[in-house]
C-alpha atoms as a PDB file:
ATOM      1  CA  MET A   1      54.387 154.550 166.456  1.00  0.00           C
ATOM      2  CA  THR A   2      56.402 156.665 164.049  1.00  0.00           C
ATOM      3  CA  ALA A   3      57.098 154.384 161.001  1.00  0.00           C
ATOM      4  CA  LEU A   4      60.607 154.114 159.276  1.00  0.00           C
ATOM      5  CA  PRO A   5      60.324 154.923 155.719  1.00  0.00           C
ATOM      6  CA  ILE A   6      60.765 151.355 154.566  1.00  0.00           C
ATOM      7  CA  GLY A   7      58.333 149.762 152.311  1.00  0.00           C
ATOM      8  CA  SER A   8      57.329 149.442 148.630  1.00  0.00           C
ATOM      9  CA  GLU A   9      56.231 153.107 148.580  1.00  0.00           C
ATOM     10  CA  ASN A  10      59.595 154.151 149.674  1.00  0.00           C
ATOM     11  CA  PRO A  11      63.297 153.968 147.985  1.00  0.00           C
ATOM     12  CA  VAL A  12      65.349 151.263 149.359  1.00  0.00           C
ATOM     13  CA  TYR A  13      66.473 152.254 152.942  1.00  0.00           C
ATOM     14  CA  VAL A  14      70.217 151.919 153.094  1.00  0.00           C
ATOM     15  CA  ILE A  15      71.642 151.183 156.802  1.00  0.00           C
ATOM     16  CA  ALA A  16      75.595 151.489 157.362  1.00  0.00           C
ATOM     17  CA  GLU A  17      76.310 149.165 160.073  1.00  0.00           C
ATOM     18  CA  ILE A  18      79.032 150.598 162.259  1.00  0.00           C
ATOM     19  CA  GLY A  19      78.589 147.921 164.982  1.00  0.00           C
ATOM     20  CA  LEU A  20      81.871 147.797 166.705  1.00  0.00           C
ATOM     21  CA  ASN A  21      84.097 148.932 163.940  1.00  0.00           C
ATOM     22  CA  HIS A  22      84.702 152.000 165.928  1.00  0.00           C
ATOM     23  CA  ASN A  23      86.939 150.046 168.410  1.00  0.00           C
ATOM     24  CA  GLY A  24      85.730 152.103 171.163  1.00  0.00           C
ATOM     25  CA  ASP A  25      86.875 155.352 169.542  1.00  0.00           C
ATOM     26  CA  LEU A  26      84.259 158.184 169.326  1.00  0.00           C
ATOM     27  CA  GLU A  27      86.118 160.010 166.491  1.00  0.00           C
ATOM     28  CA  LEU A  28      86.367 156.966 164.582  1.00  0.00           C
ATOM     29  CA  ALA A  29      82.573 156.249 165.025  1.00  0.00           C
ATOM     30  CA  LYS A  30      81.842 159.881 163.713  1.00  0.00           C
ATOM     31  CA  ARG A  31      84.199 159.567 160.847  1.00  0.00           C
ATOM     32  CA  LEU A  32      82.296 156.583 159.750  1.00  0.00           C
ATOM     33  CA  MET A  33      79.049 158.292 160.311  1.00  0.00           C
ATOM     34  CA  ALA A  34      80.198 161.175 158.067  1.00  0.00           C
ATOM     35  CA  VAL A  35      81.401 158.628 155.401  1.00  0.00           C
ATOM     36  CA  ALA A  36      78.059 156.954 155.483  1.00  0.00           C
ATOM     37  CA  ALA A  37      76.049 160.101 155.114  1.00  0.00           C
ATOM     38  CA  GLN A  38      78.278 161.312 152.386  1.00  0.00           C
ATOM     39  CA  ALA A  39      77.555 158.093 150.531  1.00  0.00           C
ATOM     40  CA  GLY A  40      73.800 158.664 150.782  1.00  0.00           C
ATOM     41  CA  ALA A  41      72.931 156.209 153.683  1.00  0.00           C
ATOM     42  CA  ASN A  42      69.514 156.600 155.372  1.00  0.00           C
ATOM     43  CA  ALA A  43      70.842 155.368 158.766  1.00  0.00           C
ATOM     44  CA  VAL A  44      73.717 154.407 160.781  1.00  0.00           C
ATOM     45  CA  LYS A  45      73.628 151.468 163.259  1.00  0.00           C
ATOM     46  CA  PHE A  46      75.540 150.471 166.301  1.00  0.00           C
ATOM     47  CA  GLN A  47      75.746 147.683 168.722  1.00  0.00           C
ATOM     48  CA  LYS A  48      74.975 148.359 172.639  1.00  0.00           C
ATOM     49  CA  ARG A  49      75.882 145.917 175.340  1.00  0.00           C
ATOM     50  CA  ASN A  50      76.178 145.950 178.976  1.00  0.00           C
ATOM     51  CA  PRO A  51      79.232 143.561 178.888  1.00  0.00           C
ATOM     52  CA  ASP A  52      78.627 142.478 182.730  1.00  0.00           C
ATOM     53  CA  VAL A  53      75.223 141.208 181.503  1.00  0.00           C
ATOM     54  CA  SER A  54      75.718 140.049 177.899  1.00  0.00           C
ATOM     55  CA  THR A  55      79.006 138.533 177.821  1.00  0.00           C
ATOM     56  CA  PRO A  56      78.690 134.593 178.156  1.00  0.00           C
ATOM     57  CA  LEU A  57      80.237 133.436 181.640  1.00  0.00           C
ATOM     58  CA  ALA A  58      82.290 130.798 179.633  1.00  0.00           C
ATOM     59  CA  MET A  59      83.990 133.660 177.620  1.00  0.00           C
ATOM     60  CA  ARG A  60      84.524 136.168 180.387  1.00  0.00           C
ATOM     61  CA  GLY A  61      87.849 135.042 181.688  1.00  0.00           C
ATOM     62  CA  LYS A  62      89.292 134.051 178.064  1.00  0.00           C
ATOM     63  CA  MET A  63      92.454 135.978 177.089  1.00  0.00           C
ATOM     64  CA  ARG A  64      92.434 137.832 173.987  1.00  0.00           C
ATOM     65  CA  SER A  65      95.192 139.774 172.212  1.00  0.00           C
ATOM     66  CA  THR A  66      94.002 143.151 171.407  1.00  0.00           C
ATOM     67  CA  PRO A  67      95.726 146.451 170.156  1.00  0.00           C
ATOM     68  CA  TRP A  68      95.689 147.333 173.669  1.00  0.00           C
ATOM     69  CA  GLY A  69      97.495 144.411 175.078  1.00  0.00           C
ATOM     70  CA  GLU A  70      96.366 141.109 176.493  1.00  0.00           C
ATOM     71  CA  MET A  71      93.111 141.164 178.371  1.00  0.00           C
ATOM     72  CA  THR A  72      90.365 139.166 179.149  1.00  0.00           C
ATOM     73  CA  TYR A  73      87.286 138.948 176.860  1.00  0.00           C
ATOM     74  CA  LEU A  74      85.135 140.836 179.407  1.00  0.00           C
ATOM     75  CA  GLU A  75      87.935 143.570 179.698  1.00  0.00           C
ATOM     76  CA  TYR A  76      87.901 143.856 175.921  1.00  0.00           C
ATOM     77  CA  ARG A  77      84.044 144.119 175.755  1.00  0.00           C
ATOM     78  CA  HIS A  78      84.324 147.022 178.240  1.00  0.00           C
ATOM     79  CA  ARG A  79      87.179 148.557 176.233  1.00  0.00           C
ATOM     80  CA  VAL A  80      85.288 148.959 172.985  1.00  0.00           C
ATOM     81  CA  GLU A  81      81.913 149.783 174.493  1.00  0.00           C
ATOM     82  CA  LEU A  82      80.869 153.471 174.044  1.00  0.00           C
ATOM     83  CA  GLY A  83      78.880 155.118 177.015  1.00  0.00           C
ATOM     84  CA  ARG A  84      76.311 157.775 177.437  1.00  0.00           C
ATOM     85  CA  PRO A  85      78.530 160.787 176.776  1.00  0.00           C
ATOM     86  CA  GLU A  86      79.731 159.207 173.476  1.00  0.00           C
ATOM     87  CA  TYR A  87      76.089 158.314 172.571  1.00  0.00           C
ATOM     88  CA  ASP A  88      74.950 161.801 173.420  1.00  0.00           C
ATOM     89  CA  GLU A  89      77.360 163.106 170.861  1.00  0.00           C
ATOM     90  CA  ILE A  90      76.613 160.318 168.232  1.00  0.00           C
ATOM     91  CA  ALA A  91      72.886 161.510 168.624  1.00  0.00           C
ATOM     92  CA  SER A  92      73.692 164.922 168.015  1.00  0.00           C
ATOM     93  CA  TYR A  93      76.093 164.268 165.058  1.00  0.00           C
ATOM     94  CA  ALA A  94      73.494 162.035 163.375  1.00  0.00           C
ATOM     95  CA  ALA A  95      70.824 164.864 163.483  1.00  0.00           C
ATOM     96  CA  GLU A  96      73.638 167.305 162.013  1.00  0.00           C
ATOM     97  CA  LEU A  97      74.381 164.774 159.130  1.00  0.00           C
ATOM     98  CA  GLY A  98      70.614 164.152 158.595  1.00  0.00           C
ATOM     99  CA  VAL A  99      70.623 160.483 159.106  1.00  0.00           C
ATOM    100  CA  ASP A 100      68.753 158.186 161.426  1.00  0.00           C
ATOM    101  CA  TRP A 101      70.598 156.306 164.092  1.00  0.00           C
ATOM    102  CA  PHE A 102      69.814 153.245 166.252  1.00  0.00           C
ATOM    103  CA  ALA A 103      71.604 150.068 167.724  1.00  0.00           C
ATOM    104  CA  SER A 104      71.157 146.547 168.376  1.00  0.00           C
ATOM    105  CA  PRO A 105      70.699 146.030 172.139  1.00  0.00           C
ATOM    106  CA  TRP A 106      72.203 142.740 173.309  1.00  0.00           C
ATOM    107  CA  ASP A 107      70.554 142.740 176.826  1.00  0.00           C
ATOM    108  CA  VAL A 108      67.390 144.236 178.518  1.00  0.00           C
ATOM    109  CA  ASP A 109      69.634 147.072 180.286  1.00  0.00           C
ATOM    110  CA  SER A 110      70.799 148.264 176.696  1.00  0.00           C
ATOM    111  CA  VAL A 111      67.224 148.412 175.543  1.00  0.00           C
ATOM    112  CA  ALA A 112      66.552 151.006 178.313  1.00  0.00           C
ATOM    113  CA  PHE A 113      69.624 152.790 177.680  1.00  0.00           C
ATOM    114  CA  LEU A 114      68.657 153.297 173.960  1.00  0.00           C
ATOM    115  CA  GLU A 115      65.145 154.415 174.961  1.00  0.00           C
ATOM    116  CA  SER A 116      66.622 157.096 177.360  1.00  0.00           C
ATOM    117  CA  LEU A 117      68.513 158.624 174.245  1.00  0.00           C
ATOM    118  CA  GLY A 118      65.222 158.681 172.229  1.00  0.00           C
ATOM    119  CA  VAL A 119      66.013 156.350 169.320  1.00  0.00           C
ATOM    120  CA  LYS A 120      63.285 156.134 166.657  1.00  0.00           C
ATOM    121  CA  ALA A 121      63.797 152.508 166.113  1.00  0.00           C
ATOM    122  CA  HIS A 122      65.456 149.410 167.387  1.00  0.00           C
ATOM    123  CA  LYS A 123      67.397 146.508 165.654  1.00  0.00           C
ATOM    124  CA  VAL A 124      67.356 142.942 166.661  1.00  0.00           C
ATOM    125  CA  ALA A 125      70.738 141.340 166.152  1.00  0.00           C
ATOM    126  CA  SER A 126      70.644 137.794 164.635  1.00  0.00           C
ATOM    127  CA  ALA A 127      72.279 136.471 167.953  1.00  0.00           C
ATOM    128  CA  CYS A 128      69.271 137.844 169.992  1.00  0.00           C
ATOM    129  CA  LEU A 129      66.441 136.515 167.730  1.00  0.00           C
ATOM    130  CA  ARG A 130      65.685 133.616 170.227  1.00  0.00           C
ATOM    131  CA  ASN A 131      66.148 135.804 173.361  1.00  0.00           C
ATOM    132  CA  ALA A 132      62.389 136.264 174.291  1.00  0.00           C
ATOM    133  CA  GLU A 133      63.335 138.668 177.138  1.00  0.00           C
ATOM    134  CA  ILE A 134      64.933 141.172 174.873  1.00  0.00           C
ATOM    135  CA  LEU A 135      62.241 140.895 172.372  1.00  0.00           C
ATOM    136  CA  GLU A 136      59.532 141.336 174.823  1.00  0.00           C
ATOM    137  CA  ALA A 137      61.555 144.494 176.129  1.00  0.00           C
ATOM    138  CA  LEU A 138      61.791 145.651 172.448  1.00  0.00           C
ATOM    139  CA  LYS A 139      58.002 145.053 171.997  1.00  0.00           C
ATOM    140  CA  ALA A 140      57.224 147.215 175.029  1.00  0.00           C
ATOM    141  CA  THR A 141      58.834 150.290 173.601  1.00  0.00           C
ATOM    142  CA  GLY A 142      56.334 150.700 170.894  1.00  0.00           C
ATOM    143  CA  LYS A 143      59.232 151.629 168.601  1.00  0.00           C
ATOM    144  CA  PRO A 144      59.646 150.164 164.922  1.00  0.00           C
ATOM    145  CA  ILE A 145      61.826 147.189 165.009  1.00  0.00           C
ATOM    146  CA  ILE A 146      64.353 145.882 162.346  1.00  0.00           C
ATOM    147  CA  MET A 147      65.046 142.196 163.036  1.00  0.00           C
ATOM    148  CA  SER A 148      67.807 140.242 161.382  1.00  0.00           C
ATOM    149  CA  THR A 149      67.360 136.429 160.915  1.00  0.00           C
ATOM    150  CA  GLY A 150      70.818 135.041 160.707  1.00  0.00           C
ATOM    151  CA  MET A 151      71.577 131.785 162.531  1.00  0.00           C
ATOM    152  CA  SER A 152      67.861 131.049 162.760  1.00  0.00           C
ATOM    153  CA  THR A 153      65.215 128.560 161.432  1.00  0.00           C
ATOM    154  CA  ILE A 154      61.905 129.630 160.089  1.00  0.00           C
ATOM    155  CA  ASP A 155      60.405 128.376 163.323  1.00  0.00           C
ATOM    156  CA  ASP A 156      62.577 130.698 165.192  1.00  0.00           C
ATOM    157  CA  VAL A 157      61.534 133.465 163.153  1.00  0.00           C
ATOM    158  CA  ASP A 158      57.931 132.566 163.622  1.00  0.00           C
ATOM    159  CA  ARG A 159      58.278 132.605 167.291  1.00  0.00           C
ATOM    160  CA  ALA A 160      59.858 135.977 167.250  1.00  0.00           C
ATOM    161  CA  VAL A 161      57.436 137.491 165.020  1.00  0.00           C
ATOM    162  CA  ASP A 162      54.611 136.205 167.509  1.00  0.00           C
ATOM    163  CA  ILE A 163      56.299 138.141 170.287  1.00  0.00           C
ATOM    164  CA  LEU A 164      57.041 141.460 168.332  1.00  0.00           C
ATOM    165  CA  GLY A 165      53.921 141.625 166.138  1.00  0.00           C
ATOM    166  CA  LYS A 166      53.978 142.719 162.824  1.00  0.00           C
ATOM    167  CA  SER A 167      53.122 146.357 163.241  1.00  0.00           C
ATOM    168  CA  GLY A 168      56.220 148.573 162.408  1.00  0.00           C
ATOM    169  CA  LEU A 169      58.278 145.410 161.758  1.00  0.00           C
ATOM    170  CA  VAL A 170      60.910 144.897 159.089  1.00  0.00           C
ATOM    171  CA  ILE A 171      62.485 141.514 158.749  1.00  0.00           C
ATOM    172  CA  MET A 172      66.124 141.372 157.214  1.00  0.00           C
ATOM    173  CA  HIS A 173      67.063 138.283 155.547  1.00  0.00           C
ATOM    174  CA  CYS A 174      70.660 137.373 156.682  1.00  0.00           C
ATOM    175  CA  THR A 175      73.351 134.787 156.916  1.00  0.00           C
ATOM    176  CA  SER A 176      75.665 135.142 159.686  1.00  0.00           C
ATOM    177  CA  THR A 177      78.888 134.047 157.936  1.00  0.00           C
ATOM    178  CA  TYR A 178      81.750 136.535 158.287  1.00  0.00           C
ATOM    179  CA  PRO A 179      82.621 136.752 155.354  1.00  0.00           C
ATOM    180  CA  MET A 180      79.664 134.966 153.683  1.00  0.00           C
ATOM    181  CA  PRO A 181      80.289 132.908 150.525  1.00  0.00           C
ATOM    182  CA  PRO A 182      77.728 133.365 147.690  1.00  0.00           C
ATOM    183  CA  GLU A 183      76.451 129.796 148.033  1.00  0.00           C
ATOM    184  CA  GLU A 184      75.277 130.649 151.581  1.00  0.00           C
ATOM    185  CA  ALA A 185      73.235 133.895 150.451  1.00  0.00           C
ATOM    186  CA  ASP A 186      69.783 132.140 149.978  1.00  0.00           C
ATOM    187  CA  LEU A 187      68.390 135.446 148.397  1.00  0.00           C
ATOM    188  CA  LEU A 188      65.120 133.654 147.407  1.00  0.00           C
ATOM    189  CA  ASN A 189      64.316 133.990 151.102  1.00  0.00           C
ATOM    190  CA  ILE A 190      63.645 137.621 150.600  1.00  0.00           C
ATOM    191  CA  PRO A 191      60.351 137.045 148.495  1.00  0.00           C
ATOM    192  CA  MET A 192      59.422 134.052 150.902  1.00  0.00           C
ATOM    193  CA  LEU A 193      59.656 135.970 153.938  1.00  0.00           C
ATOM    194  CA  ALA A 194      57.810 138.914 152.352  1.00  0.00           C
ATOM    195  CA  GLN A 195      54.949 136.680 151.364  1.00  0.00           C
ATOM    196  CA  ARG A 196      54.855 134.533 154.651  1.00  0.00           C
ATOM    197  CA  TYR A 197      54.747 137.550 156.980  1.00  0.00           C
ATOM    198  CA  GLY A 198      53.362 140.579 154.943  1.00  0.00           C
ATOM    199  CA  VAL A 199      55.693 143.042 156.226  1.00  0.00           C
ATOM    200  CA  PRO A 200      58.673 144.759 154.535  1.00  0.00           C
ATOM    201  CA  VAL A 201      61.751 142.536 154.179  1.00  0.00           C
ATOM    202  CA  GLY A 202      65.296 143.674 153.514  1.00  0.00           C
ATOM    203  CA  TYR A 203      68.774 142.221 153.602  1.00  0.00           C
ATOM    204  CA  SER A 204      71.558 142.189 155.959  1.00  0.00           C
ATOM    205  CA  GLY A 205      74.741 141.219 154.157  1.00  0.00           C
ATOM    206  CA  HIS A 206      78.299 140.033 155.257  1.00  0.00           C
ATOM    207  CA  GLU A 207      79.599 139.073 151.964  1.00  0.00           C
ATOM    208  CA  PRO A 208      82.817 140.628 149.977  1.00  0.00           C
ATOM    209  CA  GLY A 209      81.977 142.916 147.410  1.00  0.00           C
ATOM    210  CA  LEU A 210      78.564 144.418 146.131  1.00  0.00           C
ATOM    211  CA  GLN A 211      76.824 141.930 143.661  1.00  0.00           C
ATOM    212  CA  ILE A 212      74.881 140.043 146.282  1.00  0.00           C
ATOM    213  CA  SER A 213      73.452 143.021 147.823  1.00  0.00           C
ATOM    214  CA  LEU A 214      72.531 144.636 144.407  1.00  0.00           C
ATOM    215  CA  ALA A 215      70.975 141.426 143.738  1.00  0.00           C
ATOM    216  CA  ALA A 216      68.956 141.588 147.009  1.00  0.00           C
ATOM    217  CA  ALA A 217      67.888 145.013 145.959  1.00  0.00           C
ATOM    218  CA  ALA A 218      66.586 143.808 142.746  1.00  0.00           C
ATOM    219  CA  LEU A 219      64.652 140.863 144.244  1.00  0.00           C
ATOM    220  CA  GLY A 220      62.633 143.521 146.127  1.00  0.00           C
ATOM    221  CA  ALA A 221      64.526 144.052 149.426  1.00  0.00           C
ATOM    222  CA  ARG A 222      63.314 147.144 150.980  1.00  0.00           C
ATOM    223  CA  ALA A 223      66.337 147.725 153.212  1.00  0.00           C
ATOM    224  CA  ILE A 224      70.033 146.899 152.718  1.00  0.00           C
ATOM    225  CA  GLU A 225      72.306 146.879 155.554  1.00  0.00           C
ATOM    226  CA  ARG A 226      76.228 146.505 155.139  1.00  0.00           C
ATOM    227  CA  HIS A 227      78.994 147.011 157.560  1.00  0.00           C
ATOM    228  CA  ILE A 228      81.237 149.974 156.807  1.00  0.00           C
ATOM    229  CA  THR A 229      84.877 150.685 157.755  1.00  0.00           C
ATOM    230  CA  LEU A 230      87.622 153.018 156.838  1.00  0.00           C
ATOM    231  CA  ASP A 231      89.918 149.985 156.070  1.00  0.00           C
ATOM    232  CA  ARG A 232      89.259 146.162 155.977  1.00  0.00           C
ATOM    233  CA  THR A 233      92.606 145.577 157.494  1.00  0.00           C
ATOM    234  CA  MET A 234      91.956 147.343 160.835  1.00  0.00           C
ATOM    235  CA  TRP A 235      91.715 145.326 163.853  1.00  0.00           C
ATOM    236  CA  GLY A 236      88.422 143.922 164.486  1.00  0.00           C
ATOM    237  CA  SER A 237      86.145 140.771 163.915  1.00  0.00           C
ATOM    238  CA  ASP A 238      83.740 142.572 161.356  1.00  0.00           C
ATOM    239  CA  GLN A 239      86.333 144.503 159.261  1.00  0.00           C
ATOM    240  CA  ALA A 240      86.983 142.043 156.700  1.00  0.00           C
ATOM    241  CA  ALA A 241      83.270 141.706 155.973  1.00  0.00           C
ATOM    242  CA  SER A 242      82.777 145.407 155.733  1.00  0.00           C
ATOM    243  CA  LEU A 243      82.763 147.938 152.756  1.00  0.00           C
ATOM    244  CA  GLU A 244      85.282 150.505 152.580  1.00  0.00           C
ATOM    245  CA  PRO A 245      84.013 154.157 151.847  1.00  0.00           C
ATOM    246  CA  SER A 246      84.346 153.916 148.134  1.00  0.00           C
ATOM    247  CA  GLY A 247      82.688 150.525 148.178  1.00  0.00           C
ATOM    248  CA  PHE A 248      79.819 151.795 150.295  1.00  0.00           C
ATOM    249  CA  ALA A 249      79.368 154.705 148.044  1.00  0.00           C
ATOM    250  CA  ARG A 250      79.181 152.456 144.892  1.00  0.00           C
ATOM    251  CA  LEU A 251      76.582 150.324 146.845  1.00  0.00           C
ATOM    252  CA  VAL A 252      74.414 153.205 147.314  1.00  0.00           C
ATOM    253  CA  ARG A 253      74.648 154.691 143.852  1.00  0.00           C
ATOM    254  CA  ASP A 254      74.041 151.389 142.195  1.00  0.00           C
ATOM    255  CA  ILE A 255      70.982 150.610 144.396  1.00  0.00           C
ATOM    256  CA  ARG A 256      69.431 153.954 143.117  1.00  0.00           C
ATOM    257  CA  ILE A 257      70.102 152.943 139.515  1.00  0.00           C
ATOM    258  CA  ILE A 258      68.537 149.409 140.111  1.00  0.00           C
ATOM    259  CA  GLU A 259      65.488 151.317 141.401  1.00  0.00           C
ATOM    260  CA  LEU A 260      65.174 153.405 138.550  1.00  0.00           C
ATOM    261  CA  ALA A 261      65.739 150.422 136.167  1.00  0.00           C
ATOM    262  CA  MET A 262      62.958 148.267 137.913  1.00  0.00           C
ATOM    263  CA  GLY A 263      60.222 150.496 136.239  1.00  0.00           C
ATOM    264  CA  ASP A 264      56.907 149.007 136.390  1.00  0.00           C
ATOM    265  CA  ASP A 265      55.053 145.883 134.849  1.00  0.00           C
ATOM    266  CA  VAL A 266      53.369 147.549 132.031  1.00  0.00           C
ATOM    267  CA  LYS A 267      54.898 146.802 128.703  1.00  0.00           C
ATOM    268  CA  LYS A 268      55.004 150.206 126.716  1.00  0.00           C
ATOM    269  CA  ILE A 269      57.093 151.766 124.059  1.00  0.00           C
ATOM    270  CA  HIS A 270      59.462 154.314 125.376  1.00  0.00           C
ATOM    271  CA  LYS A 271      60.322 157.784 124.126  1.00  0.00           C
ATOM    272  CA  GLY A 272      63.844 156.575 123.205  1.00  0.00           C
ATOM    273  CA  GLU A 273      62.561 153.779 121.050  1.00  0.00           C
ATOM    274  CA  MET A 274      60.252 156.021 118.992  1.00  0.00           C
ATOM    275  CA  GLU A 275      62.806 157.254 116.620  1.00  0.00           C
ATOM    276  CA  LYS A 276      63.939 153.682 116.022  1.00  0.00           C
ATOM    277  CA  ILE A 277      60.423 152.586 114.753  1.00  0.00           C
ATOM    278  CA  ALA A 278      60.627 154.327 111.360  1.00  0.00           C
ATOM    279  CA  SER A 279      64.340 153.286 110.588  1.00  0.00           C
ATOM    280  CA  LEU A 280      63.969 149.664 111.898  1.00  0.00           C
ATOM    281  CA  ARG A 281      60.449 148.792 110.922  1.00  0.00           C
ATOM    282  CA  GLY A 282      59.845 150.815 107.736  1.00  0.00           C
END
């Protein structure tokens, strides 16, 4: 297994979650990838579905207003899904930009699809954490797995870890409210999960602004994932909880500053303090 560079010996691994914010447009997806890379992200992440398999039966025939007109929810799911030619180009462009790319598969078909593209890792979406069939398929790939924990109890997380194992596993603390209010952040879950499972723990955020994600980095999150968009007013269910390019760039910049500021646990006199000793202590 080729491990991702996520852990205490590595800088915080920053993931730009493009998800479905591309609205089925490859060129928009590539613009978001370029923005993420320019900001200093380590990876970009998408979502992959076979809509005919993953769309709940009760939702398929419901009508939805979209920028492309009225259509059923199943038609909408097909409309925003990228196919093999688009993902081939995404893989090539990610290599050109020098960023990792992977996706959250929402069904077993999509696990196989992503494997055929040679992704270096997989992401478990919070909505799929209780889906043993998907977890088993992901385990069988032998690839590193990043697992979000929104909408889940600690018993749910225990069962998922039992299936996936701990080798190559990264757990992401997450609250799946869009957008998430600060009182639902529960950031102290980060050190708790790290102690409980002994694997790298990160944070996947859906809050407005940067403060909570930055606090997660200070609490020891080894990966930070945030949705990215060109404009929060764009159509799409995740846009409002996303960061625009300037916000995402500030997030990466401030994470790197926090990393420098953390230092170590050895109390010492720094070089900048030496000149003050004579004048202030006599």
